[in-house]
Each structure stands twice: as C-alpha cells, then as structure tokens.
C-alpha cells in the first residue's frame, strides 16, 4: 500500500515517530501541503492521512486509486463525505484522544482569568514588587472558584471531564445536552441554555459545530451572562460571534474570555478580539500535549491496521 501523509507537522513536529506506518506500506510524510499540491502528492496513493487539508469532490475525483482517508483529528468537516461515499472511499477519524488535556486547558485559561498569574508575574519582573510600599498588591479582582457555578454547553466526554475538575474545585455545575440525561453526578444539573448562561459564573463550550450551534454565543446569549462571568472556548471557533464578544468585553458586560480556538485559523491580524479587554487567546493548543498527540498517533495507526484487516474502525459518515 502507498500511504501519503499530507500535513503531518502539527501532529508530529519531530518529537514523535511515523514508524508505526512502516510495516503497513510505503509511506511519505509532508509537513504541509498547499491546496494546489494535494492531487499531485496524493497521486497513486491508496491511503492518505490528513489533519487540516481540505479534500473536495473535485480533488477526490482525481485520485482514482484512493481507498482510505484517515483524518488525524476528531473533526472531519474538511472532507466531502458525500463524495467519499459516492466514490467508495472509507473515512476514519480519531475520537477521544485529548479529553484530559483539553479539560486541563479549560482550567489553565480559567485559573489565569481568576488569578491573572501571567500579568502579575510580568509586573514583578519589571520591578514593581521590589519598590512596592506594601508586601503585596493586585490589579484585578481575584476570584475563588469554590462555591461558583460552571456552565458546560455540551456534555460529551470532554464536558464530563471539565465537570469533574469543576466539582473538585468546589463548583456547582450546570449542563446542557442534546437529550435528557437520566442520571448525573452529585452537583451536576441539566438545564436549558438561557438558564445556564444566566446563572453561571463561568461558561465553557464543548458542543460540536453545526448549523444550529454556529454563533451560539452572540449578542443575545452574551446579554444573558453576568458582567462578572468568564467565557471559555476550547471547542470550535465559529461557536462564537467574535465581534459581539469583543464588544461585550470592551463595554464591561463580561469580565473576561479564554479562547483556544477562533473562527478563522490562523486569525487575521486585525481580529477584534486581539484588542478586547481581558481576552486571552492561545493558538489552538488544547489538544497538543505530548501525551495526547502520542495517543492520536497510536489510534491513527490502529485505524489503518483495522482497515487493512477488513474491519475498519472509527468510520465517519455524512
């Protein structure tokens, strides 16, 4: 089998190994592939692995020998699934590899917002503490999480992991889910979206991006939130109307936001969120701990093995 990895760098910038593919066929790894390079590089391949490369019907129709597409991520909207179905191409993804590390990033952002650790570190290094008349100082209200309410929009595996951490901090948890849940942990209560946004001190987004959830956070839902509340998004950037969020932050209608994903990635340099008050942005790294990427690599190779053995796993459908 000829296997081509079209954009392998983000998964493996050099600290992992592709050698798991070696027994499975002849493989070639490209760090990145521009759209005009895809068809040429995939020429003759029976199997291709992609992360964020977009595969259109027009491209796929120029790959007559292609049998398998392995998406090196959980989301698979980069592939035209109607085209792959029509062409008889199997598509798989890698679910559930980053649950713990994404939940950890939620709290990295949240604790930064609560304590302003990075900001206060910078003031110390610049000499302010050394010349301060008092033994301590702080420039923002400091929030204690114990007794506060965490609202979790979407209660899949990551949402449940975030709830577990919130409960450990002494928080109450409100959740929304696509269907009623008969049983939940102590301290967790299912409710409607408006109640969640209205009552939560922190709202964390963990739902898939669909036509219904696109710009789920907009002027209306932001007005529901407490002015003292924080918004965290480690899920999908287009869940948030970014201009509406920037305006809410700048008007003081929301206390802060921690974002690991944006609507356009990489973002334009004039993104309204870059200048928004108390808005902290990380470059889509919640998934990228070494441990999570190794799990992703292992599952991706296992997916290939399962396909070759005639029992494909983690198959996605349109």
C-alpha atoms as a PDB file:
ATOM      1  CA  UNK A   1       0.000   0.000   0.000  1.00  0.00           C
ATOM      2  CA  UNK A   2       1.150   3.531  -0.756  1.00  0.00           C
ATOM      3  CA  UNK A   3       0.398   5.835   2.186  1.00  0.00           C
ATOM      4  CA  UNK A   4       0.778   9.627   1.988  1.00  0.00           C
ATOM      5  CA  UNK A   5       0.563  11.972   4.971  1.00  0.00           C
ATOM      6  CA  UNK A   6      -0.306  15.366   3.502  1.00  0.00           C
ATOM      7  CA  UNK A   7       0.080  17.626   6.559  1.00  0.00           C
ATOM      8  CA  UNK A   8       1.821  15.834   9.399  1.00  0.00           C
ATOM      9  CA  UNK A   9       3.722  18.640  11.102  1.00  0.00           C
ATOM     10  CA  UNK A  10       1.194  19.723  13.735  1.00  0.00           C
ATOM     11  CA  UNK A  11       0.756  16.156  14.947  1.00  0.00           C
ATOM     12  CA  UNK A  12       4.447  15.375  14.794  1.00  0.00           C
ATOM     13  CA  UNK A  13       6.820  18.366  14.679  1.00  0.00           C
ATOM     14  CA  UNK A  14       9.676  15.978  15.421  1.00  0.00           C
ATOM     15  CA  UNK A  15       9.048  14.582  18.889  1.00  0.00           C
ATOM     16  CA  UNK A  16       7.003  11.551  17.749  1.00  0.00           C
ATOM     17  CA  UNK A  17       7.625   8.863  15.135  1.00  0.00           C
ATOM     18  CA  UNK A  18       5.800   7.799  11.986  1.00  0.00           C
ATOM     19  CA  UNK A  19       7.484   4.382  12.104  1.00  0.00           C
ATOM     20  CA  UNK A  20       4.201   2.720  13.053  1.00  0.00           C
ATOM     21  CA  UNK A  21       3.266   3.085   9.375  1.00  0.00           C
ATOM     22  CA  UNK A  22       6.414   1.306   8.156  1.00  0.00           C
ATOM     23  CA  UNK A  23       5.060  -2.287   8.344  1.00  0.00           C
ATOM     24  CA  UNK A  24       1.856  -1.218   6.613  1.00  0.00           C
ATOM     25  CA  UNK A  25       3.245   0.037   3.328  1.00  0.00           C
ATOM     26  CA  UNK A  26       5.431   2.590   1.604  1.00  0.00           C
ATOM     27  CA  UNK A  27       4.773   5.920   3.276  1.00  0.00           C
ATOM     28  CA  UNK A  28       5.667   9.536   2.577  1.00  0.00           C
ATOM     29  CA  UNK A  29       5.169  12.379   5.052  1.00  0.00           C
ATOM     30  CA  UNK A  30       4.767  16.015   4.058  1.00  0.00           C
ATOM     31  CA  UNK A  31       4.817  18.634   6.811  1.00  0.00           C
ATOM     32  CA  UNK A  32       2.333  20.815   4.929  1.00  0.00           C
ATOM     33  CA  UNK A  33       0.559  20.727   1.573  1.00  0.00           C
ATOM     34  CA  UNK A  34      -0.936  23.705  -0.234  1.00  0.00           C
ATOM     35  CA  UNK A  35      -4.255  23.061  -1.972  1.00  0.00           C
ATOM     36  CA  UNK A  36      -2.607  23.099  -5.405  1.00  0.00           C
ATOM     37  CA  UNK A  37      -0.144  20.379  -4.293  1.00  0.00           C
ATOM     38  CA  UNK A  38      -2.652  17.889  -2.914  1.00  0.00           C
ATOM     39  CA  UNK A  39      -3.649  15.969  -6.040  1.00  0.00           C
ATOM     40  CA  UNK A  40      -0.085  15.645  -7.255  1.00  0.00           C
ATOM     41  CA  UNK A  41       1.242  14.465  -3.894  1.00  0.00           C
ATOM     42  CA  UNK A  42      -1.625  12.001  -3.458  1.00  0.00           C
ATOM     43  CA  UNK A  43      -1.092  10.551  -6.946  1.00  0.00           C
ATOM     44  CA  UNK A  44      -1.063   6.758  -6.826  1.00  0.00           C
ATOM     45  CA  UNK A  45      -1.819   6.604  -3.105  1.00  0.00           C
ATOM     46  CA  UNK A  46      -4.302   4.057  -1.815  1.00  0.00           C
ATOM     47  CA  UNK A  47      -4.346   5.704   1.614  1.00  0.00           C
ATOM     48  CA  UNK A  48      -3.891   9.312   2.681  1.00  0.00           C
ATOM     49  CA  UNK A  49      -3.719  10.817   6.157  1.00  0.00           C
ATOM     50  CA  UNK A  50      -4.704  14.442   6.727  1.00  0.00           C
ATOM     51  CA  UNK A  51      -5.170  16.847   9.600  1.00  0.00           C
ATOM     52  CA  UNK A  52      -6.491  20.153   8.248  1.00  0.00           C
ATOM     53  CA  UNK A  53      -6.047  19.644   4.488  1.00  0.00           C
ATOM     54  CA  UNK A  54      -9.395  20.145   2.761  1.00  0.00           C
ATOM     55  CA  UNK A  55     -10.440  17.422   0.300  1.00  0.00           C
ATOM     56  CA  UNK A  56     -13.119  18.488  -2.170  1.00  0.00           C
ATOM     57  CA  UNK A  57     -15.051  16.308  -4.593  1.00  0.00           C
ATOM     58  CA  UNK A  58     -13.031  17.765  -7.463  1.00  0.00           C
ATOM     59  CA  UNK A  59      -9.796  16.657  -5.790  1.00  0.00           C
ATOM     60  CA  UNK A  60     -11.097  13.228  -4.830  1.00  0.00           C
ATOM     61  CA  UNK A  61     -12.267  12.503  -8.367  1.00  0.00           C
ATOM     62  CA  UNK A  62      -8.635  12.929  -9.451  1.00  0.00           C
ATOM     63  CA  UNK A  63      -7.481  10.189  -7.057  1.00  0.00           C
ATOM     64  CA  UNK A  64      -8.855   7.026  -8.729  1.00  0.00           C
ATOM     65  CA  UNK A  65      -6.886   4.555  -6.624  1.00  0.00           C
ATOM     66  CA  UNK A  66      -7.721   6.091  -3.268  1.00  0.00           C
ATOM     67  CA  UNK A  67      -9.396   3.682  -0.860  1.00  0.00           C
ATOM     68  CA  UNK A  68      -8.937   5.262   2.559  1.00  0.00           C
ATOM     69  CA  UNK A  69      -8.691   8.707   4.210  1.00  0.00           C
ATOM     70  CA  UNK A  70      -7.528   8.866   7.823  1.00  0.00           C
ATOM     71  CA  UNK A  71      -8.298  12.182   9.493  1.00  0.00           C
ATOM     72  CA  UNK A  72      -5.703  12.914  12.183  1.00  0.00           C
ATOM     73  CA  UNK A  73      -8.249  14.696  14.345  1.00  0.00           C
ATOM     74  CA  UNK A  74     -11.747  14.316  15.760  1.00  0.00           C
ATOM     75  CA  UNK A  75     -13.427  16.819  13.438  1.00  0.00           C
ATOM     76  CA  UNK A  76     -13.832  15.674   9.823  1.00  0.00           C
ATOM     77  CA  UNK A  77     -15.697  18.538   8.119  1.00  0.00           C
ATOM     78  CA  UNK A  78     -12.599  19.007   5.909  1.00  0.00           C
ATOM     79  CA  UNK A  79     -13.665  16.001   3.813  1.00  0.00           C
ATOM     80  CA  UNK A  80     -16.560  15.973   1.332  1.00  0.00           C
ATOM     81  CA  UNK A  81     -18.263  12.921   2.803  1.00  0.00           C
ATOM     82  CA  UNK A  82     -20.904  12.734   0.094  1.00  0.00           C
ATOM     83  CA  UNK A  83     -18.116  12.472  -2.456  1.00  0.00           C
ATOM     84  CA  UNK A  84     -16.245   9.796  -0.488  1.00  0.00           C
ATOM     85  CA  UNK A  85     -19.476   7.822  -0.149  1.00  0.00           C
ATOM     86  CA  UNK A  86     -20.138   8.065  -3.887  1.00  0.00           C
ATOM     87  CA  UNK A  87     -16.548   7.037  -4.664  1.00  0.00           C
ATOM     88  CA  UNK A  88     -16.400   4.186  -2.154  1.00  0.00           C
ATOM     89  CA  UNK A  89     -13.667   5.731  -0.017  1.00  0.00           C
ATOM     90  CA  UNK A  90     -13.596   4.892   3.696  1.00  0.00           C
ATOM     91  CA  UNK A  91     -13.021   7.864   6.038  1.00  0.00           C
ATOM     92  CA  UNK A  92     -11.977   7.494   9.682  1.00  0.00           C
ATOM     93  CA  UNK A  93     -11.225   9.956  12.463  1.00  0.00           C
ATOM     94  CA  UNK A  94      -9.555   9.825  15.873  1.00  0.00           C
ATOM     95  CA  UNK A  95     -12.049  10.419  18.686  1.00  0.00           C
ATOM     96  CA  UNK A  96     -11.408  10.770  22.392  1.00  0.00           C
ATOM     97  CA  UNK A  97      -7.641  11.114  22.326  1.00  0.00           C
ATOM     98  CA  UNK A  98      -7.458  14.532  24.019  1.00  0.00           C
ATOM     99  CA  UNK A  99     -10.165  14.516  26.683  1.00  0.00           C
ATOM    100  CA  UNK A 100      -7.898  15.105  29.672  1.00  0.00           C
ATOM    101  CA  UNK A 101      -5.603  17.602  28.002  1.00  0.00           C
ATOM    102  CA  UNK A 102      -8.462  19.746  26.658  1.00  0.00           C
ATOM    103  CA  UNK A 103     -10.150  19.775  30.053  1.00  0.00           C
ATOM    104  CA  UNK A 104      -6.829  20.821  31.549  1.00  0.00           C
ATOM    105  CA  UNK A 105      -6.620  23.763  29.122  1.00  0.00           C
ATOM    106  CA  UNK A 106     -10.075  24.909  30.179  1.00  0.00           C
ATOM    107  CA  UNK A 107      -8.769  25.319  33.686  1.00  0.00           C
ATOM    108  CA  UNK A 108      -5.473  26.816  32.528  1.00  0.00           C
ATOM    109  CA  UNK A 109      -7.495  29.637  30.975  1.00  0.00           C
ATOM    110  CA  UNK A 110      -9.918  29.816  33.866  1.00  0.00           C
ATOM    111  CA  UNK A 111      -7.239  29.985  36.563  1.00  0.00           C
ATOM    112  CA  UNK A 112      -5.397  32.639  34.579  1.00  0.00           C
ATOM    113  CA  UNK A 113      -8.589  34.699  34.467  1.00  0.00           C
ATOM    114  CA  UNK A 114      -9.220  34.159  38.178  1.00  0.00           C
ATOM    115  CA  UNK A 115      -5.688  34.974  39.389  1.00  0.00           C
ATOM    116  CA  UNK A 116      -4.069  36.893  36.492  1.00  0.00           C
ATOM    117  CA  UNK A 117      -0.892  34.889  37.063  1.00  0.00           C
ATOM    118  CA  UNK A 118       0.904  35.878  33.844  1.00  0.00           C
ATOM    119  CA  UNK A 119       0.079  39.558  34.287  1.00  0.00           C
ATOM    120  CA  UNK A 120       1.282  39.748  37.884  1.00  0.00           C
ATOM    121  CA  UNK A 121       4.445  37.837  37.010  1.00  0.00           C
ATOM    122  CA  UNK A 122       5.274  40.497  34.421  1.00  0.00           C
ATOM    123  CA  UNK A 123       4.789  43.307  36.959  1.00  0.00           C
ATOM    124  CA  UNK A 124       7.136  41.574  39.410  1.00  0.00           C
ATOM    125  CA  UNK A 125       9.855  41.113  36.790  1.00  0.00           C
ATOM    126  CA  UNK A 126       9.555  44.794  35.847  1.00  0.00           C
ATOM    127  CA  UNK A 127      10.394  45.722  39.427  1.00  0.00           C
ATOM    128  CA  UNK A 128       7.046  46.795  40.797  1.00  0.00           C
ATOM    129  CA  UNK A 129       7.057  44.427  43.776  1.00  0.00           C
ATOM    130  CA  UNK A 130      10.616  45.386  44.674  1.00  0.00           C
ATOM    131  CA  UNK A 131       9.550  49.023  45.015  1.00  0.00           C
ATOM    132  CA  UNK A 132       6.082  48.442  46.449  1.00  0.00           C
ATOM    133  CA  UNK A 133       5.246  50.072  49.828  1.00  0.00           C
ATOM    134  CA  UNK A 134       3.185  47.013  50.837  1.00  0.00           C
ATOM    135  CA  UNK A 135       4.070  43.309  50.975  1.00  0.00           C
ATOM    136  CA  UNK A 136       1.542  42.523  48.206  1.00  0.00           C
ATOM    137  CA  UNK A 137      -0.625  44.075  45.512  1.00  0.00           C
ATOM    138  CA  UNK A 138      -3.100  43.060  42.832  1.00  0.00           C
ATOM    139  CA  UNK A 139      -4.632  44.971  39.955  1.00  0.00           C
ATOM    140  CA  UNK A 140      -7.706  42.851  39.256  1.00  0.00           C
ATOM    141  CA  UNK A 141     -10.396  41.302  41.440  1.00  0.00           C
ATOM    142  CA  UNK A 142      -9.207  37.785  42.330  1.00  0.00           C
ATOM    143  CA  UNK A 143     -11.870  35.073  42.089  1.00  0.00           C
ATOM    144  CA  UNK A 144     -12.181  31.961  44.227  1.00  0.00           C
ATOM    145  CA  UNK A 145     -13.849  29.114  42.343  1.00  0.00           C
ATOM    146  CA  UNK A 146     -15.225  27.307  45.396  1.00  0.00           C
ATOM    147  CA  UNK A 147     -18.976  27.897  45.501  1.00  0.00           C
ATOM    148  CA  UNK A 148     -19.186  29.330  41.986  1.00  0.00           C
ATOM    149  CA  UNK A 149     -21.201  27.824  39.122  1.00  0.00           C
ATOM    150  CA  UNK A 150     -19.671  26.319  35.996  1.00  0.00           C
ATOM    151  CA  UNK A 151     -21.929  26.114  32.945  1.00  0.00           C
ATOM    152  CA  UNK A 152     -20.947  23.464  30.396  1.00  0.00           C
ATOM    153  CA  UNK A 153     -22.546  23.627  26.954  1.00  0.00           C
ATOM    154  CA  UNK A 154     -22.320  20.076  25.620  1.00  0.00           C
ATOM    155  CA  UNK A 155     -21.863  17.104  27.915  1.00  0.00           C
ATOM    156  CA  UNK A 156     -19.804  14.640  25.937  1.00  0.00           C
ATOM    157  CA  UNK A 157     -16.548  13.139  27.154  1.00  0.00           C
ATOM    158  CA  UNK A 158     -14.697  16.463  27.384  1.00  0.00           C
ATOM    159  CA  UNK A 159     -17.654  18.189  29.007  1.00  0.00           C
ATOM    160  CA  UNK A 160     -17.786  15.439  31.617  1.00  0.00           C
ATOM    161  CA  UNK A 161     -14.049  15.750  32.268  1.00  0.00           C
ATOM    162  CA  UNK A 162     -14.439  19.509  32.770  1.00  0.00           C
ATOM    163  CA  UNK A 163     -17.338  18.898  35.150  1.00  0.00           C
ATOM    164  CA  UNK A 164     -15.178  16.507  37.186  1.00  0.00           C
ATOM    165  CA  UNK A 165     -12.500  19.167  37.587  1.00  0.00           C
ATOM    166  CA  UNK A 166     -15.075  21.834  38.420  1.00  0.00           C
ATOM    167  CA  UNK A 167     -16.551  19.634  41.147  1.00  0.00           C
ATOM    168  CA  UNK A 168     -13.049  19.107  42.569  1.00  0.00           C
ATOM    169  CA  UNK A 169     -12.733  22.897  42.871  1.00  0.00           C
ATOM    170  CA  UNK A 170     -15.986  23.011  44.834  1.00  0.00           C
ATOM    171  CA  UNK A 171     -18.093  24.399  41.993  1.00  0.00           C
ATOM    172  CA  UNK A 172     -21.683  23.630  41.132  1.00  0.00           C
ATOM    173  CA  UNK A 173     -22.180  22.519  37.536  1.00  0.00           C
ATOM    174  CA  UNK A 174     -24.968  23.278  35.083  1.00  0.00           C
ATOM    175  CA  UNK A 175     -25.006  21.444  31.786  1.00  0.00           C
ATOM    176  CA  UNK A 176     -26.923  21.396  28.522  1.00  0.00           C
ATOM    177  CA  UNK A 177     -27.126  18.289  26.397  1.00  0.00           C
ATOM    178  CA  UNK A 178     -28.968  17.315  23.227  1.00  0.00           C
ATOM    179  CA  UNK A 179     -31.181  14.901  25.126  1.00  0.00           C
ATOM    180  CA  UNK A 180     -32.310  14.474  28.745  1.00  0.00           C
ATOM    181  CA  UNK A 181     -29.866  12.512  30.884  1.00  0.00           C
ATOM    182  CA  UNK A 182     -31.456  10.178  33.434  1.00  0.00           C
ATOM    183  CA  UNK A 183     -28.516  10.162  35.844  1.00  0.00           C
ATOM    184  CA  UNK A 184     -25.837  12.718  36.661  1.00  0.00           C
ATOM    185  CA  UNK A 185     -23.150  13.153  39.261  1.00  0.00           C
ATOM    186  CA  UNK A 186     -23.904  14.943  42.529  1.00  0.00           C
ATOM    187  CA  UNK A 187     -23.505  18.657  41.981  1.00  0.00           C
ATOM    188  CA  UNK A 188     -24.398  18.475  38.276  1.00  0.00           C
ATOM    189  CA  UNK A 189     -27.771  19.645  36.993  1.00  0.00           C
ATOM    190  CA  UNK A 190     -29.133  19.661  33.449  1.00  0.00           C
ATOM    191  CA  UNK A 191     -30.934  22.806  32.362  1.00  0.00           C
ATOM    192  CA  UNK A 192     -31.822  24.944  29.347  1.00  0.00           C
ATOM    193  CA  UNK A 193     -29.379  27.239  27.567  1.00  0.00           C
ATOM    194  CA  UNK A 194     -30.754  30.526  28.879  1.00  0.00           C
ATOM    195  CA  UNK A 195     -30.698  29.348  32.487  1.00  0.00           C
ATOM    196  CA  UNK A 196     -27.144  28.093  32.075  1.00  0.00           C
ATOM    197  CA  UNK A 197     -25.882  31.390  30.636  1.00  0.00           C
ATOM    198  CA  UNK A 198     -27.818  33.445  33.174  1.00  0.00           C
ATOM    199  CA  UNK A 199     -26.755  31.594  36.309  1.00  0.00           C
ATOM    200  CA  UNK A 200     -23.173  30.553  35.517  1.00  0.00           C
ATOM    201  CA  UNK A 201     -20.051  32.344  36.726  1.00  0.00           C
ATOM    202  CA  UNK A 202     -18.085  30.504  34.023  1.00  0.00           C
ATOM    203  CA  UNK A 203     -19.429  29.183  30.713  1.00  0.00           C
ATOM    204  CA  UNK A 204     -17.300  26.586  28.894  1.00  0.00           C
ATOM    205  CA  UNK A 205     -18.221  25.474  25.374  1.00  0.00           C
ATOM    206  CA  UNK A 206     -17.960  21.785  24.435  1.00  0.00           C
ATOM    207  CA  UNK A 207     -20.522  21.242  21.689  1.00  0.00           C
ATOM    208  CA  UNK A 208     -19.945  20.318  18.039  1.00  0.00           C
ATOM    209  CA  UNK A 209     -20.149  22.934  15.307  1.00  0.00           C
ATOM    210  CA  UNK A 210     -23.423  22.568  13.412  1.00  0.00           C
ATOM    211  CA  UNK A 211     -25.837  24.909  11.657  1.00  0.00           C
ATOM    212  CA  UNK A 212     -27.661  25.196  14.976  1.00  0.00           C
ATOM    213  CA  UNK A 213     -24.604  25.975  17.097  1.00  0.00           C
ATOM    214  CA  UNK A 214     -22.872  28.365  14.670  1.00  0.00           C
ATOM    215  CA  UNK A 215     -22.601  31.695  16.562  1.00  0.00           C
ATOM    216  CA  UNK A 216     -24.335  30.106  19.529  1.00  0.00           C
ATOM    217  CA  UNK A 217     -22.646  32.818  21.578  1.00  0.00           C
ATOM    218  CA  UNK A 218     -23.970  36.056  20.097  1.00  0.00           C
ATOM    219  CA  UNK A 219     -25.354  39.363  21.343  1.00  0.00           C
ATOM    220  CA  UNK A 220     -28.388  37.628  22.844  1.00  0.00           C
ATOM    221  CA  UNK A 221     -26.586  34.921  24.803  1.00  0.00           C
ATOM    222  CA  UNK A 222     -23.854  37.341  25.898  1.00  0.00           C
ATOM    223  CA  UNK A 223     -26.519  39.632  27.376  1.00  0.00           C
ATOM    224  CA  UNK A 224     -27.755  36.682  29.431  1.00  0.00           C
ATOM    225  CA  UNK A 225     -24.366  36.355  31.155  1.00  0.00           C
ATOM    226  CA  UNK A 226     -23.373  38.049  34.406  1.00  0.00           C
ATOM    227  CA  UNK A 227     -20.993  41.014  33.971  1.00  0.00           C
ATOM    228  CA  UNK A 228     -18.665  39.165  36.378  1.00  0.00           C
ATOM    229  CA  UNK A 229     -18.688  35.932  34.343  1.00  0.00           C
ATOM    230  CA  UNK A 230     -15.986  34.349  32.178  1.00  0.00           C
ATOM    231  CA  UNK A 231     -16.385  32.596  28.828  1.00  0.00           C
ATOM    232  CA  UNK A 232     -14.060  29.718  27.838  1.00  0.00           C
ATOM    233  CA  UNK A 233     -13.912  28.123  24.382  1.00  0.00           C
ATOM    234  CA  UNK A 234     -11.685  25.143  23.597  1.00  0.00           C
ATOM    235  CA  UNK A 235     -14.180  23.590  21.191  1.00  0.00           C
ATOM    236  CA  UNK A 236     -14.795  25.266  17.827  1.00  0.00           C
ATOM    237  CA  UNK A 237     -14.132  28.909  16.995  1.00  0.00           C
ATOM    238  CA  UNK A 238     -17.312  29.576  14.976  1.00  0.00           C
ATOM    239  CA  UNK A 239     -19.434  28.830  18.042  1.00  0.00           C
ATOM    240  CA  UNK A 240     -18.774  32.481  18.959  1.00  0.00           C
ATOM    241  CA  UNK A 241     -19.690  35.704  17.164  1.00  0.00           C
ATOM    242  CA  UNK A 242     -16.286  37.283  17.720  1.00  0.00           C
ATOM    243  CA  UNK A 243     -17.322  40.883  17.087  1.00  0.00           C
ATOM    244  CA  UNK A 244     -20.176  40.547  19.578  1.00  0.00           C
ATOM    245  CA  UNK A 245     -17.793  39.060  22.156  1.00  0.00           C
ATOM    246  CA  UNK A 246     -15.207  41.820  21.661  1.00  0.00           C
ATOM    247  CA  UNK A 247     -17.884  44.476  22.082  1.00  0.00           C
ATOM    248  CA  UNK A 248     -19.233  42.834  25.234  1.00  0.00           C
ATOM    249  CA  UNK A 249     -15.744  42.651  26.763  1.00  0.00           C
ATOM    250  CA  UNK A 250     -14.908  46.243  25.863  1.00  0.00           C
ATOM    251  CA  UNK A 251     -18.190  47.506  27.307  1.00  0.00           C
ATOM    252  CA  UNK A 252     -17.605  45.627  30.555  1.00  0.00           C
ATOM    253  CA  UNK A 253     -20.629  43.400  30.010  1.00  0.00           C
ATOM    254  CA  UNK A 254     -18.428  40.332  30.513  1.00  0.00           C
ATOM    255  CA  UNK A 255     -15.436  40.014  32.837  1.00  0.00           C
ATOM    256  CA  UNK A 256     -13.143  38.013  30.572  1.00  0.00           C
ATOM    257  CA  UNK A 257     -12.688  35.296  27.980  1.00  0.00           C
ATOM    258  CA  UNK A 258     -10.211  32.476  27.450  1.00  0.00           C
ATOM    259  CA  UNK A 259     -10.128  31.195  23.868  1.00  0.00           C
ATOM    260  CA  UNK A 260      -8.061  28.410  22.322  1.00  0.00           C
ATOM    261  CA  UNK A 261      -9.955  28.429  19.017  1.00  0.00           C
ATOM    262  CA  UNK A 262     -11.037  31.218  16.685  1.00  0.00           C
ATOM    263  CA  UNK A 263     -13.412  31.471  13.763  1.00  0.00           C
ATOM    264  CA  UNK A 264     -10.551  31.779  11.278  1.00  0.00           C
ATOM    265  CA  UNK A 265      -7.292  29.905  11.949  1.00  0.00           C
ATOM    266  CA  UNK A 266      -4.718  31.338  11.634  1.00  0.00           C
ATOM    267  CA  UNK A 267      -6.624  34.544  12.502  1.00  0.00           C
ATOM    268  CA  UNK A 268      -6.349  37.829  10.621  1.00  0.00           C
ATOM    269  CA  UNK A 269      -4.022  40.338  12.308  1.00  0.00           C
ATOM    270  CA  UNK A 270      -6.917  42.767  12.774  1.00  0.00           C
ATOM    271  CA  UNK A 271      -9.130  40.358  14.730  1.00  0.00           C
ATOM    272  CA  UNK A 272     -11.353  42.422  17.055  1.00  0.00           C
ATOM    273  CA  UNK A 273     -10.511  40.024  19.889  1.00  0.00           C
ATOM    274  CA  UNK A 274      -6.816  40.963  19.865  1.00  0.00           C
ATOM    275  CA  UNK A 275      -7.627  44.352  21.372  1.00  0.00           C
ATOM    276  CA  UNK A 276     -10.554  43.249  23.532  1.00  0.00           C
ATOM    277  CA  UNK A 277     -10.316  43.772  27.274  1.00  0.00           C
ATOM    278  CA  UNK A 278      -9.276  40.782  29.377  1.00  0.00           C
ATOM    279  CA  UNK A 279      -9.345  38.398  26.435  1.00  0.00           C
ATOM    280  CA  UNK A 280      -6.672  35.695  26.446  1.00  0.00           C
ATOM    281  CA  UNK A 281      -6.050  33.673  23.293  1.00  0.00           C
ATOM    282  CA  UNK A 282      -3.892  30.592  22.780  1.00  0.00           C
ATOM    283  CA  UNK A 283      -3.133  29.174  19.292  1.00  0.00           C
ATOM    284  CA  UNK A 284      -5.354  26.067  19.231  1.00  0.00           C
ATOM    285  CA  UNK A 285      -3.092  24.023  21.521  1.00  0.00           C
ATOM    286  CA  UNK A 286      -5.579  22.467  23.956  1.00  0.00           C
ATOM    287  CA  UNK A 287      -5.234  19.166  22.054  1.00  0.00           C
ATOM    288  CA  UNK A 288      -1.475  19.262  21.676  1.00  0.00           C
ATOM    289  CA  UNK A 289       0.117  17.844  24.802  1.00  0.00           C
ATOM    290  CA  UNK A 290       2.775  15.244  24.017  1.00  0.00           C
ATOM    291  CA  UNK A 291       0.690  12.533  25.652  1.00  0.00           C
ATOM    292  CA  UNK A 292      -2.442  13.407  23.648  1.00  0.00           C
ATOM    293  CA  UNK A 293      -0.567  13.571  20.348  1.00  0.00           C
ATOM    294  CA  UNK A 294       1.022  10.177  21.042  1.00  0.00           C
ATOM    295  CA  UNK A 295      -2.430   8.719  21.666  1.00  0.00           C
ATOM    296  CA  UNK A 296      -3.635  10.313  18.439  1.00  0.00           C
ATOM    297  CA  UNK A 297      -0.721   8.781  16.525  1.00  0.00           C
ATOM    298  CA  UNK A 298      -1.360   5.354  18.040  1.00  0.00           C
ATOM    299  CA  UNK A 299      -5.070   5.430  17.201  1.00  0.00           C
ATOM    300  CA  UNK A 300      -4.400   6.704  13.670  1.00  0.00           C
ATOM    301  CA  UNK A 301      -2.073   3.761  13.018  1.00  0.00           C
ATOM    302  CA  UNK A 302      -4.572   1.372  14.598  1.00  0.00           C
ATOM    303  CA  UNK A 303      -7.238   2.763  12.252  1.00  0.00           C
ATOM    304  CA  UNK A 304      -5.047   1.945   9.253  1.00  0.00           C
ATOM    305  CA  UNK A 305      -4.358  -1.569  10.550  1.00  0.00           C
ATOM    306  CA  UNK A 306      -8.067  -2.181  11.130  1.00  0.00           C
ATOM    307  CA  UNK A 307      -8.884  -1.044   7.589  1.00  0.00           C
ATOM    308  CA  UNK A 308      -6.220  -3.284   6.091  1.00  0.00           C
ATOM    309  CA  UNK A 309      -7.588  -6.196   8.119  1.00  0.00           C
ATOM    310  CA  UNK A 310     -11.045  -5.627   6.669  1.00  0.00           C
ATOM    311  CA  UNK A 311     -12.614  -4.337   9.895  1.00  0.00           C
ATOM    312  CA  UNK A 312     -12.406  -0.539   9.710  1.00  0.00           C
ATOM    313  CA  UNK A 313     -12.928   1.324  12.978  1.00  0.00           C
ATOM    314  CA  UNK A 314     -13.832   4.922  13.809  1.00  0.00           C
ATOM    315  CA  UNK A 315     -15.523   5.260  10.419  1.00  0.00           C
ATOM    316  CA  UNK A 316     -17.357   8.536   9.851  1.00  0.00           C
ATOM    317  CA  UNK A 317     -20.347   9.059   7.572  1.00  0.00           C
ATOM    318  CA  UNK A 318     -22.027  12.078   6.076  1.00  0.00           C
END
